[in-house]
Amino acid sequence: MAAVRALAVPRLAVASALAPLPGRLGPLHRRAPTPRAALHGSAPRPGARVALVLSGCGVYDGTEVHEASAILVHLSRGGAEVQIFAPDIPQMHVVDHTQGQPSENQSRNVLTESARIARGKISSLAQLNAANHDAAIFPGGFGAAKNLSTFAVDGKDCRVNEDVERVLKEFHAAGKPIGLCCIAPVLAAKVLRGVEVTVGHEQEEGGKWPYAGTAEAIKALGATHCVKDVTEAHVDRKNKVVTTPAFMCETKLHHIHDGIGAMVKSVLELARK
């Protein structure tokens, strides 16, 4: 009996602590806030709904993984809700990333490969509708020039995947921002005539900017190329297109991460306007 009493005493003490004093509501009996009070609360605004469009998995034949990851980190930090898409099409080819050379007799699907980055949560690009999102972002990697377009083969005479073209035109027509990095700005240059974009510098500068020639192709497409450093983003406010060089520059990873952060920040700011 003594043991039972010993167990009962702490329980009674807890019950007494929770019991309200006369004329006062206890913590478990407090009234829910009135609608008027709720209006003055500090509940966060819903985040921007951003569509992320991938082109496979791996820099030489798909999405640049570091760029996609950096975009997702910055979007998460910015409170965005992200949905990931990729076209359900075969890759142009499969590259052995240990050798940097195409692999013979191999074929992979862009949507299936992109699902690796998306951790399986991905939809076909054919299902992307600008009406359901506030912004769209395209990472780089050679997949943007091989799978989302034929730029890697045809340069300024390239063709853009029909769903990619549709998505770019839909977001642009709706006045919703579009972010692109690395080589992906060529997609906007091809589809949105007169747009301003950056892929970094226009001279190789001893190998620091190995893809500097892309700037001339962008100009040939009728777009304006704006010189920017790797940590910067260019904002075309008229067309709501935001671009950053990313891996068009040979530099340390944190500089690329910072430039992508500048691009994502500007996209989210435009999405709120």
C-alpha atoms as a PDB file:
ATOM      1  CA  MET A   1       0.000   0.000   0.000  1.00  0.00           C
ATOM      2  CA  ALA A   2       2.887   2.347   0.764  1.00  0.00           C
ATOM      3  CA  ALA A   3       4.199   1.790  -2.778  1.00  0.00           C
ATOM      4  CA  VAL A   4       0.782   2.579  -4.245  1.00  0.00           C
ATOM      5  CA  ARG A   5       0.587   5.770  -2.201  1.00  0.00           C
ATOM      6  CA  ALA A   6       4.076   6.772  -3.352  1.00  0.00           C
ATOM      7  CA  LEU A   7       3.017   6.476  -7.007  1.00  0.00           C
ATOM      8  CA  ALA A   8      -0.238   8.286  -6.404  1.00  0.00           C
ATOM      9  CA  VAL A   9       1.293  11.352  -4.746  1.00  0.00           C
ATOM     10  CA  PRO A  10       3.228  12.599  -7.852  1.00  0.00           C
ATOM     11  CA  ARG A  11       0.153  12.066 -10.016  1.00  0.00           C
ATOM     12  CA  LEU A  12      -1.995  14.095  -7.622  1.00  0.00           C
ATOM     13  CA  ALA A  13       0.640  16.828  -7.652  1.00  0.00           C
ATOM     14  CA  VAL A  14       0.556  16.977 -11.451  1.00  0.00           C
ATOM     15  CA  ALA A  15      -3.236  17.096 -11.439  1.00  0.00           C
ATOM     16  CA  SER A  16      -3.179  19.952  -8.931  1.00  0.00           C
ATOM     17  CA  ALA A  17      -0.705  21.903 -11.035  1.00  0.00           C
ATOM     18  CA  LEU A  18      -2.957  21.592 -14.090  1.00  0.00           C
ATOM     19  CA  ALA A  19      -6.144  22.460 -12.212  1.00  0.00           C
ATOM     20  CA  PRO A  20      -7.245  26.084 -12.765  1.00  0.00           C
ATOM     21  CA  LEU A  21      -7.401  28.492  -9.883  1.00  0.00           C
ATOM     22  CA  PRO A  22     -10.837  29.956  -9.130  1.00  0.00           C
ATOM     23  CA  GLY A  23     -11.757  32.459 -11.806  1.00  0.00           C
ATOM     24  CA  ARG A  24      -8.796  31.533 -14.020  1.00  0.00           C
ATOM     25  CA  LEU A  25      -8.618  29.195 -17.027  1.00  0.00           C
ATOM     26  CA  GLY A  26      -5.947  26.506 -16.930  1.00  0.00           C
ATOM     27  CA  PRO A  27      -3.552  25.872 -19.850  1.00  0.00           C
ATOM     28  CA  LEU A  28      -5.698  23.019 -21.136  1.00  0.00           C
ATOM     29  CA  HIS A  29      -8.906  25.052 -20.936  1.00  0.00           C
ATOM     30  CA  ARG A  30      -7.957  28.284 -22.678  1.00  0.00           C
ATOM     31  CA  ARG A  31     -10.285  29.499 -25.388  1.00  0.00           C
ATOM     32  CA  ALA A  32      -9.272  29.338 -29.044  1.00  0.00           C
ATOM     33  CA  PRO A  33      -8.263  32.741 -30.497  1.00  0.00           C
ATOM     34  CA  THR A  34     -11.091  34.714 -32.047  1.00  0.00           C
ATOM     35  CA  PRO A  35     -11.094  35.325 -35.819  1.00  0.00           C
ATOM     36  CA  ARG A  36     -10.136  38.944 -35.114  1.00  0.00           C
ATOM     37  CA  ALA A  37      -7.097  37.806 -33.117  1.00  0.00           C
ATOM     38  CA  ALA A  38      -6.095  35.397 -35.849  1.00  0.00           C
ATOM     39  CA  LEU A  39      -5.971  38.283 -38.314  1.00  0.00           C
ATOM     40  CA  HIS A  40      -3.228  39.858 -36.246  1.00  0.00           C
ATOM     41  CA  GLY A  41      -1.160  36.689 -35.912  1.00  0.00           C
ATOM     42  CA  SER A  42       2.255  36.137 -37.474  1.00  0.00           C
ATOM     43  CA  ALA A  43       1.401  33.135 -39.657  1.00  0.00           C
ATOM     44  CA  PRO A  44       3.787  32.968 -42.649  1.00  0.00           C
ATOM     45  CA  ARG A  45       2.496  33.702 -46.117  1.00  0.00           C
ATOM     46  CA  PRO A  46       2.214  30.686 -48.420  1.00  0.00           C
ATOM     47  CA  GLY A  47       5.425  30.107 -50.359  1.00  0.00           C
ATOM     48  CA  ALA A  48       5.779  30.555 -54.099  1.00  0.00           C
ATOM     49  CA  ARG A  49       4.903  27.469 -56.153  1.00  0.00           C
ATOM     50  CA  VAL A  50       7.943  26.777 -58.308  1.00  0.00           C
ATOM     51  CA  ALA A  51       8.287  24.257 -61.134  1.00  0.00           C
ATOM     52  CA  LEU A  52      11.819  22.861 -61.507  1.00  0.00           C
ATOM     53  CA  VAL A  53      12.512  21.408 -64.962  1.00  0.00           C
ATOM     54  CA  LEU A  54      15.279  18.789 -65.206  1.00  0.00           C
ATOM     55  CA  SER A  55      16.988  17.243 -68.235  1.00  0.00           C
ATOM     56  CA  GLY A  56      18.388  13.979 -66.907  1.00  0.00           C
ATOM     57  CA  CYS A  57      21.022  13.208 -64.288  1.00  0.00           C
ATOM     58  CA  GLY A  58      24.694  14.008 -64.824  1.00  0.00           C
ATOM     59  CA  VAL A  59      26.519  16.990 -66.277  1.00  0.00           C
ATOM     60  CA  TYR A  60      27.569  15.492 -69.632  1.00  0.00           C
ATOM     61  CA  ASP A  61      24.207  14.052 -70.708  1.00  0.00           C
ATOM     62  CA  GLY A  62      21.635  15.504 -68.295  1.00  0.00           C
ATOM     63  CA  THR A  63      21.136  17.956 -65.435  1.00  0.00           C
ATOM     64  CA  GLU A  64      24.174  19.313 -63.601  1.00  0.00           C
ATOM     65  CA  VAL A  65      23.501  17.736 -60.194  1.00  0.00           C
ATOM     66  CA  HIS A  66      25.251  20.405 -58.102  1.00  0.00           C
ATOM     67  CA  GLU A  67      23.185  23.110 -59.794  1.00  0.00           C
ATOM     68  CA  ALA A  68      19.909  21.268 -59.233  1.00  0.00           C
ATOM     69  CA  SER A  69      20.811  20.663 -55.592  1.00  0.00           C
ATOM     70  CA  ALA A  70      21.806  24.302 -55.024  1.00  0.00           C
ATOM     71  CA  ILE A  71      18.535  25.491 -56.569  1.00  0.00           C
ATOM     72  CA  LEU A  72      16.535  23.175 -54.301  1.00  0.00           C
ATOM     73  CA  VAL A  73      18.443  24.360 -51.203  1.00  0.00           C
ATOM     74  CA  HIS A  74      17.848  28.025 -52.000  1.00  0.00           C
ATOM     75  CA  LEU A  75      14.189  27.412 -52.851  1.00  0.00           C
ATOM     76  CA  SER A  76      13.740  25.569 -49.562  1.00  0.00           C
ATOM     77  CA  ARG A  77      15.366  28.418 -47.665  1.00  0.00           C
ATOM     78  CA  GLY A  78      13.093  30.856 -49.493  1.00  0.00           C
ATOM     79  CA  GLY A  79       9.983  28.956 -48.389  1.00  0.00           C
ATOM     80  CA  ALA A  80       8.993  27.831 -51.886  1.00  0.00           C
ATOM     81  CA  GLU A  81       6.852  24.830 -52.707  1.00  0.00           C
ATOM     82  CA  VAL A  82       8.630  22.867 -55.429  1.00  0.00           C
ATOM     83  CA  GLN A  83       7.316  20.420 -57.990  1.00  0.00           C
ATOM     84  CA  ILE A  84       9.815  18.726 -60.304  1.00  0.00           C
ATOM     85  CA  PHE A  85       9.273  17.907 -63.976  1.00  0.00           C
ATOM     86  CA  ALA A  86      11.197  16.413 -66.900  1.00  0.00           C
ATOM     87  CA  PRO A  87      10.264  15.412 -70.447  1.00  0.00           C
ATOM     88  CA  ASP A  88       9.408  11.749 -70.938  1.00  0.00           C
ATOM     89  CA  ILE A  89      11.784  11.268 -73.878  1.00  0.00           C
ATOM     90  CA  PRO A  90      14.994   9.345 -74.660  1.00  0.00           C
ATOM     91  CA  GLN A  91      18.296  11.079 -73.957  1.00  0.00           C
ATOM     92  CA  MET A  92      20.349  12.172 -76.948  1.00  0.00           C
ATOM     93  CA  HIS A  93      22.993   9.703 -75.775  1.00  0.00           C
ATOM     94  CA  VAL A  94      24.537   8.251 -72.610  1.00  0.00           C
ATOM     95  CA  VAL A  95      27.958   9.511 -71.502  1.00  0.00           C
ATOM     96  CA  ASP A  96      30.398   7.541 -69.355  1.00  0.00           C
ATOM     97  CA  HIS A  97      31.219  10.225 -66.799  1.00  0.00           C
ATOM     98  CA  THR A  98      34.512   8.565 -65.849  1.00  0.00           C
ATOM     99  CA  GLN A  99      35.759   9.002 -69.420  1.00  0.00           C
ATOM    100  CA  GLY A 100      33.653  11.879 -70.718  1.00  0.00           C
ATOM    101  CA  GLN A 101      32.817   9.787 -73.766  1.00  0.00           C
ATOM    102  CA  PRO A 102      29.503   8.414 -75.131  1.00  0.00           C
ATOM    103  CA  SER A 103      28.732   4.800 -74.218  1.00  0.00           C
ATOM    104  CA  GLU A 104      27.870   2.509 -77.097  1.00  0.00           C
ATOM    105  CA  ASN A 105      24.547   0.658 -77.266  1.00  0.00           C
ATOM    106  CA  GLN A 106      23.014   2.376 -74.230  1.00  0.00           C
ATOM    107  CA  SER A 107      19.771   4.319 -74.000  1.00  0.00           C
ATOM    108  CA  ARG A 108      18.211   6.136 -71.057  1.00  0.00           C
ATOM    109  CA  ASN A 109      15.022   8.093 -70.491  1.00  0.00           C
ATOM    110  CA  VAL A 110      15.207  11.740 -69.382  1.00  0.00           C
ATOM    111  CA  LEU A 111      12.267  11.464 -66.962  1.00  0.00           C
ATOM    112  CA  THR A 112      13.572   8.240 -65.411  1.00  0.00           C
ATOM    113  CA  GLU A 113      17.069   9.651 -64.948  1.00  0.00           C
ATOM    114  CA  SER A 114      15.773  12.957 -63.560  1.00  0.00           C
ATOM    115  CA  ALA A 115      13.821  10.997 -60.939  1.00  0.00           C
ATOM    116  CA  ARG A 116      17.166  10.196 -59.305  1.00  0.00           C
ATOM    117  CA  ILE A 117      17.599  13.873 -58.399  1.00  0.00           C
ATOM    118  CA  ALA A 118      13.910  14.274 -57.507  1.00  0.00           C
ATOM    119  CA  ARG A 119      14.046  11.262 -55.154  1.00  0.00           C
ATOM    120  CA  GLY A 120      11.244   9.750 -57.208  1.00  0.00           C
ATOM    121  CA  LYS A 121       8.835  12.685 -56.817  1.00  0.00           C
ATOM    122  CA  ILE A 122       8.599  13.845 -60.412  1.00  0.00           C
ATOM    123  CA  SER A 123       6.044  14.363 -63.178  1.00  0.00           C
ATOM    124  CA  SER A 124       6.180  14.410 -66.950  1.00  0.00           C
ATOM    125  CA  LEU A 125       6.806  17.871 -68.377  1.00  0.00           C
ATOM    126  CA  ALA A 126       3.680  17.402 -70.501  1.00  0.00           C
ATOM    127  CA  GLN A 127       1.681  17.862 -67.274  1.00  0.00           C
ATOM    128  CA  LEU A 128       3.236  21.214 -66.350  1.00  0.00           C
ATOM    129  CA  ASN A 129       0.768  24.072 -66.617  1.00  0.00           C
ATOM    130  CA  ALA A 130       1.857  27.619 -65.865  1.00  0.00           C
ATOM    131  CA  ALA A 131      -1.538  28.323 -64.289  1.00  0.00           C
ATOM    132  CA  ASN A 132      -0.601  26.032 -61.378  1.00  0.00           C
ATOM    133  CA  HIS A 133       2.750  27.648 -60.576  1.00  0.00           C
ATOM    134  CA  ASP A 134       4.238  31.044 -59.781  1.00  0.00           C
ATOM    135  CA  ALA A 135       7.654  30.512 -61.416  1.00  0.00           C
ATOM    136  CA  ALA A 136       9.756  28.013 -63.356  1.00  0.00           C
ATOM    137  CA  ILE A 137      13.481  27.273 -63.069  1.00  0.00           C
ATOM    138  CA  PHE A 138      15.764  25.378 -65.458  1.00  0.00           C
ATOM    139  CA  PRO A 139      19.157  24.140 -64.181  1.00  0.00           C
ATOM    140  CA  GLY A 140      22.024  23.653 -66.600  1.00  0.00           C
ATOM    141  CA  GLY A 141      24.089  20.668 -67.555  1.00  0.00           C
ATOM    142  CA  PHE A 142      24.546  19.439 -71.113  1.00  0.00           C
ATOM    143  CA  GLY A 143      21.056  17.925 -70.935  1.00  0.00           C
ATOM    144  CA  ALA A 144      19.641  21.412 -71.536  1.00  0.00           C
ATOM    145  CA  ALA A 145      21.599  21.542 -74.807  1.00  0.00           C
ATOM    146  CA  LYS A 146      21.130  17.867 -75.764  1.00  0.00           C
ATOM    147  CA  ASN A 147      17.746  16.747 -74.408  1.00  0.00           C
ATOM    148  CA  LEU A 148      15.736  19.949 -73.922  1.00  0.00           C
ATOM    149  CA  SER A 149      17.092  21.300 -77.201  1.00  0.00           C
ATOM    150  CA  THR A 150      19.552  20.481 -79.972  1.00  0.00           C
ATOM    151  CA  PHE A 151      21.858  23.404 -79.154  1.00  0.00           C
ATOM    152  CA  ALA A 152      24.847  21.117 -78.515  1.00  0.00           C
ATOM    153  CA  VAL A 153      24.648  19.930 -82.141  1.00  0.00           C
ATOM    154  CA  ASP A 154      22.997  22.773 -84.036  1.00  0.00           C
ATOM    155  CA  GLY A 155      24.029  25.916 -82.154  1.00  0.00           C
ATOM    156  CA  LYS A 156      21.979  28.973 -83.131  1.00  0.00           C
ATOM    157  CA  ASP A 157      19.949  26.811 -85.557  1.00  0.00           C
ATOM    158  CA  CYS A 158      18.797  24.551 -82.733  1.00  0.00           C
ATOM    159  CA  ARG A 159      15.301  23.241 -82.066  1.00  0.00           C
ATOM    160  CA  VAL A 160      13.740  23.318 -78.608  1.00  0.00           C
ATOM    161  CA  ASN A 161      11.667  20.431 -77.238  1.00  0.00           C
ATOM    162  CA  GLU A 162       8.000  21.269 -77.843  1.00  0.00           C
ATOM    163  CA  ASP A 163       6.994  21.013 -74.175  1.00  0.00           C
ATOM    164  CA  VAL A 164       9.962  23.128 -73.100  1.00  0.00           C
ATOM    165  CA  GLU A 165       8.995  25.759 -75.664  1.00  0.00           C
ATOM    166  CA  ARG A 166       5.363  25.615 -74.548  1.00  0.00           C
ATOM    167  CA  VAL A 167       6.288  26.030 -70.875  1.00  0.00           C
ATOM    168  CA  LEU A 168       8.597  28.978 -71.551  1.00  0.00           C
ATOM    169  CA  LYS A 169       5.958  30.735 -73.631  1.00  0.00           C
ATOM    170  CA  GLU A 170       3.186  30.039 -71.097  1.00  0.00           C
ATOM    171  CA  PHE A 171       5.100  31.455 -68.141  1.00  0.00           C
ATOM    172  CA  HIS A 172       6.279  34.435 -70.179  1.00  0.00           C
ATOM    173  CA  ALA A 173       2.772  35.210 -71.443  1.00  0.00           C
ATOM    174  CA  ALA A 174       1.431  34.975 -67.879  1.00  0.00           C
ATOM    175  CA  GLY A 175       4.074  37.421 -66.611  1.00  0.00           C
ATOM    176  CA  LYS A 176       5.553  34.764 -64.323  1.00  0.00           C
ATOM    177  CA  PRO A 177       9.321  34.662 -63.696  1.00  0.00           C
ATOM    178  CA  ILE A 178      11.663  32.133 -65.295  1.00  0.00           C
ATOM    179  CA  GLY A 179      15.094  31.284 -63.886  1.00  0.00           C
ATOM    180  CA  LEU A 180      17.847  29.593 -65.901  1.00  0.00           C
ATOM    181  CA  CYS A 181      21.496  28.870 -65.172  1.00  0.00           C
ATOM    182  CA  CYS A 182      24.644  27.610 -66.884  1.00  0.00           C
ATOM    183  CA  ILE A 183      23.864  26.702 -70.537  1.00  0.00           C
ATOM    184  CA  ALA A 184      20.072  26.742 -70.003  1.00  0.00           C
ATOM    185  CA  PRO A 185      19.712  30.470 -70.881  1.00  0.00           C
ATOM    186  CA  VAL A 186      20.077  29.480 -74.547  1.00  0.00           C
ATOM    187  CA  LEU A 187      16.553  28.027 -74.266  1.00  0.00           C
ATOM    188  CA  ALA A 188      15.126  31.441 -73.383  1.00  0.00           C
ATOM    189  CA  ALA A 189      17.280  33.101 -76.046  1.00  0.00           C
ATOM    190  CA  LYS A 190      15.826  30.793 -78.692  1.00  0.00           C
ATOM    191  CA  VAL A 191      12.180  30.897 -77.615  1.00  0.00           C
ATOM    192  CA  LEU A 192      11.727  34.405 -76.163  1.00  0.00           C
ATOM    193  CA  ARG A 193      13.042  36.775 -78.799  1.00  0.00           C
ATOM    194  CA  GLY A 194      14.736  39.922 -77.546  1.00  0.00           C
ATOM    195  CA  VAL A 195      15.272  38.561 -74.039  1.00  0.00           C
ATOM    196  CA  GLU A 196      18.298  39.542 -71.932  1.00  0.00           C
ATOM    197  CA  VAL A 197      20.385  36.699 -70.459  1.00  0.00           C
ATOM    198  CA  THR A 198      23.866  35.936 -69.173  1.00  0.00           C
ATOM    199  CA  VAL A 199      26.182  32.957 -69.461  1.00  0.00           C
ATOM    200  CA  GLY A 200      29.013  34.892 -67.827  1.00  0.00           C
ATOM    201  CA  HIS A 201      31.922  36.512 -69.671  1.00  0.00           C
ATOM    202  CA  GLU A 202      32.489  36.771 -73.417  1.00  0.00           C
ATOM    203  CA  GLN A 203      36.211  35.885 -73.413  1.00  0.00           C
ATOM    204  CA  GLU A 204      37.789  32.659 -72.163  1.00  0.00           C
ATOM    205  CA  GLU A 205      40.281  34.563 -70.009  1.00  0.00           C
ATOM    206  CA  GLY A 206      42.884  31.812 -69.846  1.00  0.00           C
ATOM    207  CA  GLY A 207      40.346  29.019 -69.429  1.00  0.00           C
ATOM    208  CA  LYS A 208      38.309  30.554 -66.610  1.00  0.00           C
ATOM    209  CA  TRP A 209      35.330  30.871 -68.968  1.00  0.00           C
ATOM    210  CA  PRO A 210      35.713  27.810 -71.274  1.00  0.00           C
ATOM    211  CA  TYR A 211      32.257  28.211 -72.869  1.00  0.00           C
ATOM    212  CA  ALA A 212      32.531  31.965 -73.533  1.00  0.00           C
ATOM    213  CA  GLY A 213      31.681  31.411 -77.198  1.00  0.00           C
ATOM    214  CA  THR A 214      28.105  30.688 -76.163  1.00  0.00           C
ATOM    215  CA  ALA A 215      27.599  34.441 -75.749  1.00  0.00           C
ATOM    216  CA  GLU A 216      28.000  34.948 -79.496  1.00  0.00           C
ATOM    217  CA  ALA A 217      25.452  32.232 -80.239  1.00  0.00           C
ATOM    218  CA  ILE A 218      23.020  33.953 -77.880  1.00  0.00           C
ATOM    219  CA  LYS A 219      23.473  37.199 -79.782  1.00  0.00           C
ATOM    220  CA  ALA A 220      22.944  35.360 -83.061  1.00  0.00           C
ATOM    221  CA  LEU A 221      19.603  34.148 -81.707  1.00  0.00           C
ATOM    222  CA  GLY A 222      18.497  37.765 -81.363  1.00  0.00           C
ATOM    223  CA  ALA A 223      18.893  37.956 -77.591  1.00  0.00           C
ATOM    224  CA  THR A 224      21.012  40.392 -75.607  1.00  0.00           C
ATOM    225  CA  HIS A 225      23.955  38.969 -73.687  1.00  0.00           C
ATOM    226  CA  CYS A 226      24.887  40.725 -70.451  1.00  0.00           C
ATOM    227  CA  VAL A 227      28.310  40.111 -68.911  1.00  0.00           C
ATOM    228  CA  LYS A 228      28.070  38.954 -65.293  1.00  0.00           C
ATOM    229  CA  ASP A 229      30.411  37.317 -62.796  1.00  0.00           C
ATOM    230  CA  VAL A 230      29.704  33.827 -61.495  1.00  0.00           C
ATOM    231  CA  THR A 231      28.323  35.087 -58.167  1.00  0.00           C
ATOM    232  CA  GLU A 232      25.864  37.409 -59.891  1.00  0.00           C
ATOM    233  CA  ALA A 233      22.510  37.035 -61.614  1.00  0.00           C
ATOM    234  CA  HIS A 234      21.121  39.146 -64.427  1.00  0.00           C
ATOM    235  CA  VAL A 235      17.484  40.193 -64.088  1.00  0.00           C
ATOM    236  CA  ASP A 236      15.575  41.064 -67.255  1.00  0.00           C
ATOM    237  CA  ARG A 237      12.729  42.848 -65.509  1.00  0.00           C
ATOM    238  CA  LYS A 238      10.732  43.433 -68.683  1.00  0.00           C
ATOM    239  CA  ASN A 239      10.558  39.720 -69.504  1.00  0.00           C
ATOM    240  CA  LYS A 240      10.946  38.478 -65.904  1.00  0.00           C
ATOM    241  CA  VAL A 241      13.844  36.216 -66.896  1.00  0.00           C
ATOM    242  CA  VAL A 242      16.666  35.678 -64.391  1.00  0.00           C
ATOM    243  CA  THR A 243      19.956  33.998 -65.351  1.00  0.00           C
ATOM    244  CA  THR A 244      23.323  33.192 -63.764  1.00  0.00           C
ATOM    245  CA  PRO A 245      26.498  31.613 -65.226  1.00  0.00           C
ATOM    246  CA  ALA A 246      27.003  28.727 -62.741  1.00  0.00           C
ATOM    247  CA  PHE A 247      29.354  26.088 -64.240  1.00  0.00           C
ATOM    248  CA  MET A 248      30.009  28.132 -67.353  1.00  0.00           C
ATOM    249  CA  CYS A 249      32.847  29.357 -65.126  1.00  0.00           C
ATOM    250  CA  GLU A 250      35.745  27.258 -63.842  1.00  0.00           C
ATOM    251  CA  THR A 251      35.744  28.265 -60.187  1.00  0.00           C
ATOM    252  CA  LYS A 252      35.124  26.996 -56.688  1.00  0.00           C
ATOM    253  CA  LEU A 253      31.786  25.400 -55.927  1.00  0.00           C
ATOM    254  CA  HIS A 254      30.725  27.924 -53.290  1.00  0.00           C
ATOM    255  CA  HIS A 255      30.944  30.758 -55.842  1.00  0.00           C
ATOM    256  CA  ILE A 256      28.568  28.845 -58.132  1.00  0.00           C
ATOM    257  CA  HIS A 257      26.273  28.167 -55.170  1.00  0.00           C
ATOM    258  CA  ASP A 258      26.201  31.893 -54.364  1.00  0.00           C
ATOM    259  CA  GLY A 259      25.358  32.857 -57.946  1.00  0.00           C
ATOM    260  CA  ILE A 260      22.517  30.354 -58.033  1.00  0.00           C
ATOM    261  CA  GLY A 261      21.312  31.798 -54.737  1.00  0.00           C
ATOM    262  CA  ALA A 262      21.192  35.259 -56.307  1.00  0.00           C
ATOM    263  CA  MET A 263      19.174  33.860 -59.219  1.00  0.00           C
ATOM    264  CA  VAL A 264      16.689  32.027 -56.976  1.00  0.00           C
ATOM    265  CA  LYS A 265      16.273  35.053 -54.706  1.00  0.00           C
ATOM    266  CA  SER A 266      15.431  37.288 -57.669  1.00  0.00           C
ATOM    267  CA  VAL A 267      12.989  34.732 -59.098  1.00  0.00           C
ATOM    268  CA  LEU A 268      11.138  34.529 -55.779  1.00  0.00           C
ATOM    269  CA  GLU A 269      11.055  38.324 -55.471  1.00  0.00           C
ATOM    270  CA  LEU A 270       9.533  38.619 -58.943  1.00  0.00           C
ATOM    271  CA  ALA A 271       7.025  35.881 -58.118  1.00  0.00           C
ATOM    272  CA  ARG A 272       5.725  37.926 -55.195  1.00  0.00           C
ATOM    273  CA  LYS A 273       5.059  41.018 -57.330  1.00  0.00           C
END
